[in-house]
Amino acid sequence: MAALLACLLKHTLPYLNLAIVKASEATFSSSLSSTGDRINGLKNLYDNIDDLLVLPHVQHIISQEKLVDRLLDGYISLLDGCTSAKDLVSQTKQDLQELLSSLRRKDMNGTQCYLTSRRKSKKMIQKSLKDLRSFTSKQNVLSLEKDGETVALVCMLKEAESVTVTMIESLLSYVMGTKVQSRRSGWSLVSKLMHSKKLSNQSEDADLNEFKKVDSFLQLSQENEELMNHLKEMDSSIQILEEDLECLFRHLIKIRVFLLNSLNH
């Protein structure tokens, strides 16, 4: 069983490394679709983690009470963050749909309603980001005087947790129309090079933020047809993004249930 665990860890770690690189890319997200792609990119990682967690040998390792408590705290907070992101994305989609409907009806009150709701959403996003940053600052490396398998397994779960926080934070910042600067100290050399390469394009990417485009359209009172086409495209992208978040949410629920069951046995 130990050999099987080592084999699965070996196959899971590449997905984790890929997710870390994608998380670094996420700080420079240039569109809703690319943001969704990166969140969806976590699926392979969590699929492999799910395969690991069903192994009796892994369940025995994680059954240590202190270990479960520490892991559970992190994933419960992560689940809260994902739930907030889901709710905010859904509310944003509804606001954009209502704005589109008002433009079709040529109802000018709809613009003011959207801007009011947008301000409220930004405040909620700021609160969620504050909570995520607070959670990140409280993350501690588990001190383990254990065998190599235990250390590898726990480090993988904590790193998956960390990279998922980065993804959610990036998403919320993008919806708010800002960029999140990564605080990860464990970036690979590849990630750092990507960071340097894309730094020069930050101002250019910022202009491509779909939400900032809507704000600009409304402020400049540009033609409704162009704005409506933009809103339709956003609606399709947000729908896919919602599905990706729901998939991530289900994975996090599964890990939480596993950890709770481990604690109760």
Protein backbone atom coordinates (compact mmCIF):
# COMPACT_ATOMS: atom_id res chain seq x y z
CA MET A 1 0.00 0.00 0.00
CA ALA A 2 2.89 2.34 0.77
CA ALA A 3 4.23 1.74 -2.73
CA LEU A 4 0.82 2.59 -4.18
CA LEU A 5 0.72 5.80 -2.17
CA ALA A 6 4.17 6.76 -3.41
CA CYS A 7 3.08 6.07 -6.97
CA LEU A 8 -0.06 8.20 -6.66
CA LEU A 9 1.86 11.02 -5.02
CA LYS A 10 4.32 10.90 -7.88
CA HIS A 11 1.47 11.31 -10.38
CA THR A 12 -0.31 13.98 -8.36
CA LEU A 13 2.63 16.32 -7.77
CA PRO A 14 2.97 17.31 -11.46
CA TYR A 15 -0.64 18.52 -11.38
CA LEU A 16 0.16 20.49 -8.23
CA ASN A 17 3.19 22.09 -9.87
CA LEU A 18 1.08 22.95 -12.91
CA ALA A 19 -1.57 24.47 -10.65
CA ILE A 20 1.08 26.64 -8.95
CA VAL A 21 2.24 27.94 -12.32
CA LYS A 22 -1.36 28.62 -13.33
CA ALA A 23 -1.94 30.41 -10.05
CA SER A 24 0.95 32.72 -10.87
CA GLU A 25 -0.62 33.34 -14.27
CA ALA A 26 -3.92 34.08 -12.55
CA THR A 27 -2.46 37.25 -11.03
CA PHE A 28 -2.34 38.56 -14.59
CA SER A 29 -5.76 37.30 -15.72
CA SER A 30 -6.79 39.13 -18.87
CA SER A 31 -10.29 37.76 -19.37
CA LEU A 32 -13.12 35.91 -17.70
CA SER A 33 -12.57 32.91 -19.92
CA SER A 34 -8.87 32.62 -19.03
CA THR A 35 -9.73 33.00 -15.35
CA GLY A 36 -12.25 30.18 -15.69
CA ASP A 37 -9.71 28.04 -17.51
CA ARG A 38 -7.29 28.39 -14.64
CA ILE A 39 -9.89 27.49 -12.04
CA ASN A 40 -10.94 24.55 -14.16
CA GLY A 41 -7.26 23.58 -14.31
CA LEU A 42 -7.48 22.63 -10.63
CA LYS A 43 -9.80 19.78 -11.57
CA ASN A 44 -6.99 17.35 -12.45
CA LEU A 45 -5.24 18.16 -9.20
CA TYR A 46 -8.30 17.48 -7.08
CA ASP A 47 -9.22 14.41 -9.10
CA ASN A 48 -5.86 12.95 -8.12
CA ILE A 49 -6.25 14.05 -4.51
CA ASP A 50 -9.62 12.29 -4.43
CA ASP A 51 -7.90 9.10 -5.63
CA LEU A 52 -5.37 9.43 -2.82
CA LEU A 53 -7.90 10.02 -0.06
CA VAL A 54 -9.78 6.77 -0.67
CA LEU A 55 -6.67 4.69 0.07
CA PRO A 56 -6.78 2.99 3.52
CA HIS A 57 -3.10 3.77 4.01
CA VAL A 58 -3.75 7.48 3.46
CA GLN A 59 -6.77 7.41 5.74
CA HIS A 60 -4.62 5.89 8.46
CA ILE A 61 -2.00 8.63 8.07
CA ILE A 62 -4.54 11.45 8.26
CA SER A 63 -6.46 9.90 11.13
CA GLN A 64 -4.03 11.49 13.59
CA GLU A 65 -6.22 13.95 15.48
CA LYS A 66 -3.87 16.96 15.48
CA LEU A 67 -3.16 16.49 11.81
CA VAL A 68 -6.85 16.34 10.93
CA ASP A 69 -7.64 19.45 12.98
CA ARG A 70 -5.03 21.53 11.20
CA LEU A 71 -6.02 20.36 7.75
CA LEU A 72 -9.72 20.70 8.48
CA ASP A 73 -9.38 24.31 9.64
CA GLY A 74 -7.73 25.23 6.38
CA TYR A 75 -10.22 23.52 4.10
CA ILE A 76 -13.24 24.86 6.00
CA SER A 77 -11.91 28.40 5.52
CA LEU A 78 -11.21 27.60 1.89
CA LEU A 79 -14.75 26.32 1.45
CA ASP A 80 -16.08 29.58 2.93
CA GLY A 81 -13.98 31.53 0.43
CA CYS A 82 -15.24 29.45 -2.49
CA THR A 83 -18.84 29.89 -1.33
CA SER A 84 -18.39 33.68 -1.20
CA ALA A 85 -16.88 33.65 -4.69
CA LYS A 86 -19.79 31.58 -6.02
CA ASP A 87 -22.34 33.95 -4.49
CA LEU A 88 -20.58 37.07 -5.75
CA VAL A 89 -20.20 35.71 -9.28
CA SER A 90 -23.89 34.75 -9.35
CA GLN A 91 -24.91 38.20 -8.11
CA THR A 92 -22.66 39.83 -10.69
CA LYS A 93 -24.21 37.76 -13.47
CA GLN A 94 -27.68 38.78 -12.34
CA ASP A 95 -26.67 42.47 -12.26
CA LEU A 96 -25.25 42.28 -15.77
CA GLN A 97 -28.36 40.51 -17.07
CA GLU A 98 -30.60 43.16 -15.55
CA LEU A 99 -28.43 45.89 -17.07
CA LEU A 100 -28.69 44.25 -20.48
CA SER A 101 -32.47 43.97 -20.12
CA SER A 102 -32.76 47.66 -19.18
CA LEU A 103 -30.66 48.67 -22.19
CA ARG A 104 -32.91 46.70 -24.49
CA ARG A 105 -35.91 48.50 -22.99
CA LYS A 106 -34.02 51.82 -23.15
CA ASP A 107 -34.68 52.21 -19.44
CA MET A 108 -32.05 54.65 -18.15
CA ASN A 109 -32.87 53.79 -14.53
CA GLY A 110 -31.30 50.41 -15.12
CA THR A 111 -27.85 51.98 -15.41
CA GLN A 112 -28.12 53.60 -12.01
CA CYS A 113 -29.42 50.37 -10.47
CA TYR A 114 -26.43 48.50 -11.90
CA LEU A 115 -23.92 51.05 -10.61
CA THR A 116 -25.50 50.95 -7.14
CA SER A 117 -25.39 47.16 -7.05
CA ARG A 118 -21.83 47.21 -8.41
CA ARG A 119 -20.69 49.40 -5.53
CA LYS A 120 -22.28 47.00 -3.05
CA SER A 121 -20.63 44.03 -4.76
CA LYS A 122 -17.22 45.72 -4.60
CA LYS A 123 -17.62 46.21 -0.85
CA MET A 124 -18.54 42.54 -0.45
CA ILE A 125 -15.55 41.52 -2.56
CA GLN A 126 -13.25 43.68 -0.46
CA LYS A 127 -14.53 41.95 2.66
CA SER A 128 -14.04 38.51 1.11
CA LEU A 129 -10.52 39.43 0.01
CA LYS A 130 -9.75 40.66 3.51
CA ASP A 131 -10.96 37.35 4.93
CA LEU A 132 -8.85 35.40 2.43
CA ARG A 133 -5.78 37.46 3.22
CA SER A 134 -6.38 36.99 6.93
CA PHE A 135 -6.65 33.25 6.36
CA THR A 136 -3.45 33.25 4.30
CA SER A 137 -1.52 35.16 6.96
CA LYS A 138 -2.58 32.61 9.57
CA GLN A 139 -1.41 29.64 7.53
CA ASN A 140 1.40 27.81 9.25
CA VAL A 141 3.64 25.09 7.96
CA LEU A 142 2.79 21.96 9.88
CA SER A 143 5.62 20.85 12.11
CA LEU A 144 5.86 17.14 11.55
CA GLU A 145 8.27 14.68 13.01
CA LYS A 146 6.87 11.95 10.83
CA ASP A 147 7.90 9.65 8.06
CA GLY A 148 8.45 10.86 4.51
CA GLU A 149 5.05 9.67 3.28
CA THR A 150 3.18 11.69 5.89
CA VAL A 151 5.21 14.82 5.21
CA ALA A 152 4.72 14.49 1.44
CA LEU A 153 0.98 13.94 1.77
CA VAL A 154 0.40 16.81 4.19
CA CYS A 155 2.56 19.21 2.21
CA MET A 156 0.65 18.36 -0.94
CA LEU A 157 -2.72 19.02 0.72
CA LYS A 158 -1.50 22.31 2.22
CA GLU A 159 -0.02 23.41 -1.09
CA ALA A 160 -3.26 22.55 -2.93
CA GLU A 161 -5.10 24.60 -0.33
CA SER A 162 -2.73 27.54 -0.82
CA VAL A 163 -2.87 27.56 -4.61
CA THR A 164 -6.68 27.42 -4.50
CA VAL A 165 -6.76 30.47 -2.24
CA THR A 166 -4.60 32.29 -4.79
CA MET A 167 -7.01 31.36 -7.58
CA ILE A 168 -10.09 32.55 -5.66
CA GLU A 169 -8.37 35.77 -4.64
CA SER A 170 -7.39 36.44 -8.24
CA LEU A 171 -10.95 35.82 -9.43
CA LEU A 172 -12.49 38.19 -6.88
CA SER A 173 -9.93 40.89 -7.66
CA TYR A 174 -10.66 40.54 -11.36
CA VAL A 175 -14.42 40.87 -10.83
CA MET A 176 -13.75 44.00 -8.78
CA GLY A 177 -11.63 45.34 -11.64
CA THR A 178 -8.26 45.21 -9.91
CA LYS A 179 -5.21 42.97 -9.92
CA VAL A 180 -3.99 40.88 -7.03
CA GLN A 181 -0.28 40.75 -6.40
CA SER A 182 0.89 37.30 -5.40
CA ARG A 183 2.51 36.85 -1.99
CA ARG A 184 3.61 33.28 -2.62
CA SER A 185 7.22 32.72 -1.66
CA GLY A 186 7.44 29.25 -3.17
CA TRP A 187 7.09 30.15 -6.82
CA SER A 188 9.16 28.07 -9.15
CA LEU A 189 11.79 29.73 -11.34
CA VAL A 190 9.43 29.29 -14.28
CA SER A 191 6.69 31.19 -12.45
CA LYS A 192 9.06 34.01 -11.55
CA LEU A 193 10.19 34.31 -15.14
CA MET A 194 6.57 34.41 -16.26
CA HIS A 195 5.94 37.13 -13.69
CA SER A 196 8.82 39.22 -15.05
CA LYS A 197 7.76 38.68 -18.64
CA LYS A 198 4.17 39.71 -18.07
CA LEU A 199 4.93 42.67 -15.83
CA SER A 200 5.43 44.92 -18.83
CA ASN A 201 1.96 44.04 -20.09
CA GLN A 202 0.09 44.82 -16.87
CA SER A 203 -1.29 48.18 -17.99
CA GLU A 204 -2.26 46.67 -21.32
CA ASP A 205 -4.02 43.73 -19.65
CA ALA A 206 -5.86 46.04 -17.26
CA ASP A 207 -7.58 47.66 -20.23
CA LEU A 208 -8.96 44.25 -21.20
CA ASN A 209 -10.83 43.70 -17.93
CA GLU A 210 -14.43 43.11 -18.97
CA PHE A 211 -15.89 44.73 -15.87
CA LYS A 212 -13.83 47.88 -16.31
CA LYS A 213 -15.01 47.97 -19.91
CA VAL A 214 -18.62 48.03 -18.76
CA ASP A 215 -17.83 50.86 -16.34
CA SER A 216 -16.16 52.79 -19.17
CA PHE A 217 -19.09 52.25 -21.51
CA LEU A 218 -21.50 53.61 -18.90
CA GLN A 219 -19.33 56.55 -17.93
CA LEU A 220 -18.78 57.60 -21.53
CA SER A 221 -22.39 56.87 -22.57
CA GLN A 222 -21.18 54.92 -25.56
CA GLU A 223 -23.49 53.25 -28.04
CA ASN A 224 -25.85 50.73 -26.45
CA GLU A 225 -25.36 48.15 -29.20
CA GLU A 226 -21.65 47.80 -28.56
CA LEU A 227 -22.25 47.58 -24.81
CA MET A 228 -25.03 45.02 -25.25
CA ASN A 229 -22.79 42.80 -27.38
CA HIS A 230 -20.13 43.03 -24.70
CA LEU A 231 -22.64 42.08 -21.99
CA LYS A 232 -23.82 39.07 -23.98
CA GLU A 233 -20.26 37.80 -24.30
CA MET A 234 -19.69 38.33 -20.57
CA ASP A 235 -22.85 36.41 -19.71
CA SER A 236 -21.62 33.35 -21.60
CA SER A 237 -18.21 33.50 -19.92
CA ILE A 238 -19.67 33.95 -16.46
CA GLN A 239 -21.97 30.97 -16.98
CA ILE A 240 -18.94 28.76 -17.66
CA LEU A 241 -17.12 30.33 -14.72
CA GLU A 242 -20.03 29.47 -12.43
CA GLU A 243 -19.85 25.85 -13.54
CA ASP A 244 -16.09 25.75 -12.88
CA LEU A 245 -16.60 27.20 -9.39
CA GLU A 246 -19.33 24.66 -8.67
CA CYS A 247 -16.96 21.84 -9.66
CA LEU A 248 -14.27 23.25 -7.38
CA PHE A 249 -16.82 23.63 -4.59
CA ARG A 250 -17.82 19.96 -4.85
CA HIS A 251 -14.18 18.89 -4.62
CA LEU A 252 -13.66 20.98 -1.49
CA ILE A 253 -16.84 19.56 0.06
CA LYS A 254 -15.53 16.06 -0.59
CA ILE A 255 -12.24 16.81 1.17
CA ARG A 256 -14.05 18.41 4.09
CA VAL A 257 -16.31 15.37 4.49
CA PHE A 258 -13.30 13.07 4.34
CA LEU A 259 -11.49 15.05 7.04
CA LEU A 260 -14.59 15.17 9.26
CA ASN A 261 -15.04 11.42 8.92
CA SER A 262 -11.38 10.92 9.81
CA LEU A 263 -11.85 13.03 12.91
CA ASN A 264 -14.88 11.03 14.01
CA HIS A 265 -13.28 7.62 13.64
